[in-house]
């Protein structure tokens, strides 16, 4: 093995370019690649480094400039309220904390009396007019009441640059919706706090939204899944023949939540940790998957610096669940095209009724299908 490795490095070094150290690429490939390398493949690479994709389909040369942190991109602003149309009434289904609307007194659950000068009863009968106004990004006035006869008004305008990592909506006395934007540090604690509050209010049905969730912290993803999974169950594993990469994630604690009927929303942008979390919740917590087929991006890649100007991206490991091949992604139990497809992970519907996946998930859970 040592001789073949040495020969491999000599082959590649012979083709080294001024700004690209192929010997470093060779060592990275040998020491870190998820894929095994034969002597013939080593010879092929010595002749043409671009042939690396024949070994690792995810591999590629990367300009070192692209590895540097990009300047922050100015994001568009979002409305701080998500509405819900219910028969002849309109409610503020979600008012985000610390927004101007929130500080003005509008709260989740408050009834809307008029919206953009239109009585709620009329607006609920023709929601397209209000939605059209919101899609244009215009501001509008809302008159509302929060459980008493007192009426208040507030101007609703786009003001949020970002949404919280985790937030929820109470859809009914039995059903709640929880959006997870990514598996960032402490996100599992935020999920736990959100769901604890929902459970104390008597919720039985839970919709977990993992649409467009991809990367993040592996331990956080495991902690999130563990909230619903039996102790010692396999949550997922990172597979590699390199000891430094492979790891099994098992449930370290008893589940924090049992007895919920769970639906998980997925779409074609649900990838990597988002996919494995959804699949694991189905396996370990009996969750229904609703939405679109996932991306099938279970490979873990890493970039290795191989010169002053270039780096090499390699596959170093693969996410797996009980040895299943998930490379093609997986299909939902109930298919619906995602109405919000194309919007980034921080976007949200203007109203609950605009999001067909939320509506269909609530129906499915209520009927226990």
Protein backbone atom coordinates (compact mmCIF):
# COMPACT_ATOMS: atom_id res chain seq x y z
CA UNK A 1 0.00 0.00 0.00
CA UNK A 2 2.81 2.42 0.92
CA UNK A 3 4.55 1.76 -2.42
CA UNK A 4 1.37 2.43 -4.39
CA UNK A 5 0.75 5.65 -2.43
CA UNK A 6 4.36 6.78 -3.06
CA UNK A 7 4.02 5.95 -6.76
CA UNK A 8 0.73 7.82 -6.86
CA UNK A 9 2.32 10.97 -5.45
CA UNK A 10 5.24 10.72 -7.91
CA UNK A 11 2.83 10.38 -10.81
CA UNK A 12 0.87 13.45 -9.75
CA UNK A 13 3.90 15.52 -8.82
CA UNK A 14 5.24 15.06 -12.33
CA UNK A 15 2.23 16.99 -13.58
CA UNK A 16 2.30 19.71 -10.95
CA UNK A 17 1.44 23.20 -12.16
CA UNK A 18 2.87 26.44 -10.90
CA UNK A 19 -0.22 27.42 -8.89
CA UNK A 20 -1.50 23.94 -8.13
CA UNK A 21 0.39 21.41 -5.99
CA UNK A 22 -0.88 18.05 -7.23
CA UNK A 23 1.08 16.19 -4.56
CA UNK A 24 -1.04 17.97 -1.94
CA UNK A 25 -4.12 16.99 -3.90
CA UNK A 26 -2.91 13.40 -3.93
CA UNK A 27 -2.36 13.32 -0.19
CA UNK A 28 -5.77 14.87 0.42
CA UNK A 29 -7.37 12.28 -1.82
CA UNK A 30 -5.55 9.37 -0.18
CA UNK A 31 -6.02 10.51 3.41
CA UNK A 32 -9.50 11.95 3.27
CA UNK A 33 -11.52 10.70 0.28
CA UNK A 34 -14.66 8.68 0.92
CA UNK A 35 -13.91 6.74 -2.27
CA UNK A 36 -11.15 4.09 -2.58
CA UNK A 37 -8.43 4.71 -5.18
CA UNK A 38 -6.89 2.06 -7.43
CA UNK A 39 -3.41 2.22 -9.02
CA UNK A 40 -4.98 2.64 -12.45
CA UNK A 41 -7.01 5.58 -11.22
CA UNK A 42 -3.81 7.05 -9.80
CA UNK A 43 -2.18 6.80 -13.24
CA UNK A 44 -5.21 8.43 -14.86
CA UNK A 45 -5.03 11.33 -12.44
CA UNK A 46 -1.33 11.80 -13.15
CA UNK A 47 -2.26 12.45 -16.77
CA UNK A 48 -5.36 14.56 -16.19
CA UNK A 49 -6.46 15.88 -12.80
CA UNK A 50 -9.92 16.58 -14.22
CA UNK A 51 -10.45 12.80 -14.23
CA UNK A 52 -10.86 13.03 -10.48
CA UNK A 53 -14.61 13.21 -11.06
CA UNK A 54 -14.45 9.62 -12.28
CA UNK A 55 -13.47 8.72 -8.72
CA UNK A 56 -15.40 11.35 -6.79
CA UNK A 57 -18.40 12.89 -8.60
CA UNK A 58 -18.51 15.72 -6.06
CA UNK A 59 -14.83 16.65 -6.44
CA UNK A 60 -13.61 19.76 -8.16
CA UNK A 61 -11.03 22.53 -8.23
CA UNK A 62 -12.04 25.62 -6.31
CA UNK A 63 -10.56 29.08 -6.61
CA UNK A 64 -9.10 30.11 -3.27
CA UNK A 65 -10.79 33.48 -3.64
CA UNK A 66 -14.16 31.75 -3.43
CA UNK A 67 -13.17 30.29 -0.05
CA UNK A 68 -12.95 33.74 1.50
CA UNK A 69 -15.94 35.14 3.33
CA UNK A 70 -18.25 37.02 1.01
CA UNK A 71 -19.54 40.45 1.90
CA UNK A 72 -22.97 40.37 3.54
CA UNK A 73 -25.78 40.45 1.03
CA UNK A 74 -28.54 42.92 1.70
CA UNK A 75 -31.72 40.93 2.15
CA UNK A 76 -35.23 41.98 1.33
CA UNK A 77 -37.55 42.79 4.21
CA UNK A 78 -40.54 40.69 5.26
CA UNK A 79 -43.90 41.32 6.88
CA UNK A 80 -43.91 40.69 10.65
CA UNK A 81 -47.37 39.08 10.61
CA UNK A 82 -48.73 35.86 9.14
CA UNK A 83 -52.52 35.91 8.85
CA UNK A 84 -55.07 33.11 8.95
CA UNK A 85 -58.42 33.17 7.16
CA UNK A 86 -61.12 31.22 9.04
CA UNK A 87 -64.58 31.33 7.49
CA UNK A 88 -65.64 34.98 7.84
CA UNK A 89 -62.87 35.98 10.21
CA UNK A 90 -59.19 36.85 9.94
CA UNK A 91 -56.66 36.34 12.73
CA UNK A 92 -53.04 37.24 13.26
CA UNK A 93 -51.75 33.66 13.29
CA UNK A 94 -48.20 34.78 14.06
CA UNK A 95 -46.77 38.13 15.11
CA UNK A 96 -42.99 38.07 15.38
CA UNK A 97 -41.47 39.39 18.60
CA UNK A 98 -39.74 42.77 18.69
CA UNK A 99 -41.32 43.92 15.44
CA UNK A 100 -43.03 47.31 15.26
CA UNK A 101 -46.36 45.51 14.95
CA UNK A 102 -45.62 43.52 18.12
CA UNK A 103 -44.48 46.57 20.06
CA UNK A 104 -47.68 48.33 18.99
CA UNK A 105 -49.75 45.68 20.78
CA UNK A 106 -50.67 43.23 18.01
CA UNK A 107 -50.29 39.65 19.21
CA UNK A 108 -50.67 36.16 17.79
CA UNK A 109 -54.35 35.22 18.03
CA UNK A 110 -55.74 38.75 17.84
CA UNK A 111 -58.77 39.13 15.59
CA UNK A 112 -58.46 41.46 12.62
CA UNK A 113 -61.40 43.87 12.26
CA UNK A 114 -60.33 45.61 9.06
CA UNK A 115 -57.34 45.05 6.80
CA UNK A 116 -56.25 47.68 4.28
CA UNK A 117 -59.56 49.45 4.91
CA UNK A 118 -61.58 46.35 4.00
CA UNK A 119 -63.83 44.74 6.64
CA UNK A 120 -62.46 41.34 7.69
CA UNK A 121 -65.63 39.53 6.59
CA UNK A 122 -65.28 40.90 3.07
CA UNK A 123 -61.51 40.34 2.97
CA UNK A 124 -61.94 36.73 4.12
CA UNK A 125 -64.37 36.13 1.26
CA UNK A 126 -61.93 37.59 -1.29
CA UNK A 127 -58.42 37.04 0.14
CA UNK A 128 -56.79 37.34 -3.28
CA UNK A 129 -57.14 41.13 -3.18
CA UNK A 130 -55.28 41.43 0.12
CA UNK A 131 -52.65 38.88 -0.91
CA UNK A 132 -52.08 40.81 -4.14
CA UNK A 133 -51.44 43.96 -2.13
CA UNK A 134 -48.99 42.14 0.15
CA UNK A 135 -47.13 40.58 -2.76
CA UNK A 136 -46.47 44.08 -4.06
CA UNK A 137 -44.78 44.84 -0.74
CA UNK A 138 -47.10 47.72 0.11
CA UNK A 139 -47.84 48.82 3.67
CA UNK A 140 -51.42 48.84 4.95
CA UNK A 141 -53.41 49.55 8.10
CA UNK A 142 -54.94 46.87 10.31
CA UNK A 143 -57.63 47.41 12.90
CA UNK A 144 -57.69 44.63 15.47
CA UNK A 145 -59.03 43.42 18.81
CA UNK A 146 -57.22 41.15 21.25
CA UNK A 147 -59.98 39.49 23.25
CA UNK A 148 -61.74 42.62 24.47
CA UNK A 149 -64.01 45.24 23.00
CA UNK A 150 -61.15 47.68 22.60
CA UNK A 151 -60.09 48.30 19.02
CA UNK A 152 -56.56 49.27 18.08
CA UNK A 153 -54.84 49.92 14.79
CA UNK A 154 -51.33 49.44 13.47
CA UNK A 155 -49.53 49.97 10.18
CA UNK A 156 -48.25 46.68 8.77
CA UNK A 157 -45.17 47.07 6.63
CA UNK A 158 -42.15 45.02 5.67
CA UNK A 159 -39.62 45.37 8.48
CA UNK A 160 -38.05 42.00 9.29
CA UNK A 161 -34.64 41.24 7.79
CA UNK A 162 -34.55 37.73 9.27
CA UNK A 163 -36.86 35.33 11.00
CA UNK A 164 -35.89 33.44 14.18
CA UNK A 165 -34.17 30.06 13.76
CA UNK A 166 -37.30 28.44 15.21
CA UNK A 167 -40.85 29.77 15.43
CA UNK A 168 -44.37 28.37 15.68
CA UNK A 169 -48.00 28.98 14.83
CA UNK A 170 -51.03 27.62 16.67
CA UNK A 171 -53.32 26.41 13.88
CA UNK A 172 -56.16 25.10 16.05
CA UNK A 173 -56.85 23.79 19.53
CA UNK A 174 -55.24 20.48 18.52
CA UNK A 175 -52.65 21.36 15.87
CA UNK A 176 -49.49 23.48 15.80
CA UNK A 177 -46.85 24.29 13.21
CA UNK A 178 -43.13 24.67 13.99
CA UNK A 179 -40.65 26.07 11.46
CA UNK A 180 -36.99 25.10 11.77
CA UNK A 181 -34.77 27.27 9.55
CA UNK A 182 -31.51 25.42 10.20
CA UNK A 183 -29.62 23.32 12.73
CA UNK A 184 -27.58 26.12 14.25
CA UNK A 185 -26.13 26.02 17.79
CA UNK A 186 -28.91 25.82 20.42
CA UNK A 187 -31.64 25.37 17.78
CA UNK A 188 -32.74 22.08 19.40
CA UNK A 189 -33.27 23.96 22.68
CA UNK A 190 -35.41 26.53 20.87
CA UNK A 191 -37.45 23.71 19.33
CA UNK A 192 -37.88 22.10 22.75
CA UNK A 193 -39.03 25.38 24.31
CA UNK A 194 -41.47 26.04 21.47
CA UNK A 195 -43.00 22.58 21.64
CA UNK A 196 -43.14 22.53 25.46
CA UNK A 197 -45.31 25.65 25.33
CA UNK A 198 -47.51 24.12 22.64
CA UNK A 199 -47.91 20.85 24.56
CA UNK A 200 -48.95 22.69 27.71
CA UNK A 201 -51.78 24.28 25.71
CA UNK A 202 -53.13 20.85 24.77
CA UNK A 203 -51.76 20.37 21.26
CA UNK A 204 -51.81 16.78 19.94
CA UNK A 205 -50.79 17.25 16.30
CA UNK A 206 -47.42 18.69 15.32
CA UNK A 207 -46.23 19.89 11.92
CA UNK A 208 -42.44 20.23 11.69
CA UNK A 209 -41.27 22.23 8.68
CA UNK A 210 -37.87 21.14 7.31
CA UNK A 211 -38.32 22.60 3.84
CA UNK A 212 -35.08 24.00 2.40
CA UNK A 213 -33.12 22.90 5.49
CA UNK A 214 -29.70 21.57 4.49
CA UNK A 215 -26.51 22.02 6.49
CA UNK A 216 -25.77 22.87 10.07
CA UNK A 217 -24.39 21.30 13.21
CA UNK A 218 -24.55 17.48 13.32
CA UNK A 219 -24.88 17.33 17.10
CA UNK A 220 -27.75 19.84 16.99
CA UNK A 221 -29.53 17.76 14.35
CA UNK A 222 -29.11 14.68 16.54
CA UNK A 223 -30.42 16.53 19.61
CA UNK A 224 -33.42 17.69 17.58
CA UNK A 225 -34.27 14.15 16.44
CA UNK A 226 -33.71 12.84 19.99
CA UNK A 227 -36.58 15.07 21.20
CA UNK A 228 -38.96 12.54 19.62
CA UNK A 229 -36.88 9.32 19.50
CA UNK A 230 -36.46 6.47 22.04
CA UNK A 231 -33.23 6.37 24.02
CA UNK A 232 -30.37 4.41 22.38
CA UNK A 233 -32.05 4.40 18.94
CA UNK A 234 -29.78 5.10 15.96
CA UNK A 235 -30.55 8.61 14.77
CA UNK A 236 -28.11 8.66 11.83
CA UNK A 237 -24.47 7.99 11.11
CA UNK A 238 -21.58 9.56 9.23
CA UNK A 239 -20.01 6.77 7.17
CA UNK A 240 -16.38 6.68 6.05
CA UNK A 241 -13.49 4.23 6.11
CA UNK A 242 -11.43 7.06 7.60
CA UNK A 243 -11.61 6.92 11.39
CA UNK A 244 -11.52 10.68 11.83
CA UNK A 245 -14.78 11.13 9.96
CA UNK A 246 -17.06 8.22 10.81
CA UNK A 247 -19.42 8.58 13.72
CA UNK A 248 -22.74 7.18 14.90
CA UNK A 249 -25.30 9.47 16.49
CA UNK A 250 -27.62 7.66 18.91
CA UNK A 251 -30.34 9.00 21.18
CA UNK A 252 -28.60 9.86 24.45
CA UNK A 253 -31.79 10.64 26.36
CA UNK A 254 -35.38 9.53 26.66
CA UNK A 255 -37.59 11.50 24.26
CA UNK A 256 -38.83 14.85 25.52
CA UNK A 257 -42.08 14.48 23.62
CA UNK A 258 -44.28 11.42 23.09
CA UNK A 259 -47.88 11.06 22.01
CA UNK A 260 -47.74 13.64 19.23
CA UNK A 261 -49.04 12.87 15.75
CA UNK A 262 -46.19 14.27 13.65
CA UNK A 263 -46.00 15.44 10.05
CA UNK A 264 -42.73 16.65 8.54
CA UNK A 265 -42.78 19.02 5.56
CA UNK A 266 -40.05 18.47 2.95
CA UNK A 267 -39.28 19.80 -0.53
CA UNK A 268 -36.70 19.45 -3.29
CA UNK A 269 -34.35 21.77 -1.38
CA UNK A 270 -34.44 19.69 1.79
CA UNK A 271 -30.90 18.30 1.73
CA UNK A 272 -28.14 16.75 3.82
CA UNK A 273 -28.97 17.14 7.53
CA UNK A 274 -32.51 18.22 6.67
CA UNK A 275 -33.07 15.00 4.74
CA UNK A 276 -31.52 12.71 7.32
CA UNK A 277 -33.53 14.39 10.10
CA UNK A 278 -36.79 13.89 8.19
CA UNK A 279 -35.97 10.25 7.40
CA UNK A 280 -34.94 9.59 11.00
CA UNK A 281 -38.15 11.13 12.38
CA UNK A 282 -40.14 8.83 10.12
CA UNK A 283 -38.19 5.78 11.30
CA UNK A 284 -37.91 6.61 15.01
CA UNK A 285 -41.01 8.71 15.70
CA UNK A 286 -43.50 7.45 13.10
CA UNK A 287 -43.73 10.84 11.37
CA UNK A 288 -45.55 11.31 8.07
CA UNK A 289 -43.53 13.02 5.34
CA UNK A 290 -45.50 15.50 3.25
CA UNK A 291 -44.35 17.55 0.26
CA UNK A 292 -41.81 16.82 -2.47
CA UNK A 293 -38.95 14.38 -3.06
CA UNK A 294 -35.80 15.54 -1.27
CA UNK A 295 -32.52 16.58 -2.89
CA UNK A 296 -30.52 13.39 -2.26
CA UNK A 297 -27.43 15.29 -1.08
CA UNK A 298 -26.15 13.01 1.65
CA UNK A 299 -22.46 13.38 0.86
CA UNK A 300 -20.24 15.49 3.12
CA UNK A 301 -17.60 17.51 1.29
CA UNK A 302 -14.56 19.41 2.48
CA UNK A 303 -12.19 21.80 0.72
CA UNK A 304 -8.43 21.24 1.01
CA UNK A 305 -5.97 23.99 0.14
CA UNK A 306 -3.59 22.76 -2.56
CA UNK A 307 -1.93 25.99 -3.65
CA UNK A 308 -1.89 29.74 -3.25
CA UNK A 309 -4.83 30.18 -5.57
CA UNK A 310 -6.65 26.85 -5.63
CA UNK A 311 -8.25 24.26 -3.41
CA UNK A 312 -9.67 20.80 -3.97
CA UNK A 313 -13.19 19.86 -2.92
CA UNK A 314 -13.51 16.19 -1.95
CA UNK A 315 -16.20 13.91 -0.59
CA UNK A 316 -15.01 12.82 2.84
CA UNK A 317 -18.06 11.01 4.24
CA UNK A 318 -21.71 10.18 3.70
CA UNK A 319 -24.78 10.51 5.88
CA UNK A 320 -26.66 7.26 6.33
CA UNK A 321 -29.64 5.80 8.16
CA UNK A 322 -29.51 2.07 8.94
CA UNK A 323 -27.42 1.43 5.83
CA UNK A 324 -30.15 2.59 3.45
CA UNK A 325 -29.11 4.06 0.10
CA UNK A 326 -30.62 7.54 0.11
CA UNK A 327 -28.46 8.98 -2.68
CA UNK A 328 -31.49 9.57 -4.91
CA UNK A 329 -33.35 11.38 -2.13
CA UNK A 330 -36.56 9.98 -0.73
CA UNK A 331 -40.19 10.49 -1.59
CA UNK A 332 -42.83 11.78 0.81
CA UNK A 333 -45.68 9.64 2.08
CA UNK A 334 -48.08 12.24 0.72
CA UNK A 335 -47.01 14.29 -2.30
CA UNK A 336 -47.91 17.94 -2.79
CA UNK A 337 -45.99 20.50 -4.82
CA UNK A 338 -44.50 23.14 -2.56
CA UNK A 339 -46.28 26.43 -3.18
CA UNK A 340 -43.36 28.31 -1.63
CA UNK A 341 -40.73 26.67 -3.86
CA UNK A 342 -38.15 29.19 -4.98
CA UNK A 343 -38.38 31.34 -1.87
CA UNK A 344 -35.42 31.29 0.47
CA UNK A 345 -35.53 29.72 3.91
CA UNK A 346 -36.30 32.99 5.65
CA UNK A 347 -39.42 33.62 3.64
CA UNK A 348 -42.86 32.69 4.89
CA UNK A 349 -46.40 32.74 3.52
CA UNK A 350 -48.43 35.93 3.92
CA UNK A 351 -51.23 33.73 5.22
CA UNK A 352 -51.50 30.16 6.46
CA UNK A 353 -53.98 29.40 3.67
CA UNK A 354 -51.41 30.36 1.03
CA UNK A 355 -49.23 27.39 2.05
CA UNK A 356 -50.88 24.20 0.79
CA UNK A 357 -48.43 21.91 2.59
CA UNK A 358 -49.40 23.32 5.99
CA UNK A 359 -53.10 22.98 5.19
CA UNK A 360 -52.80 19.41 3.89
CA UNK A 361 -50.59 18.34 6.79
CA UNK A 362 -53.14 19.69 9.26
CA UNK A 363 -55.92 17.79 7.47
CA UNK A 364 -53.93 14.55 7.43
CA UNK A 365 -53.06 14.75 11.12
CA UNK A 366 -56.61 15.63 12.12
CA UNK A 367 -57.93 12.57 10.30
CA UNK A 368 -54.98 10.42 11.53
CA UNK A 369 -54.22 9.28 7.98
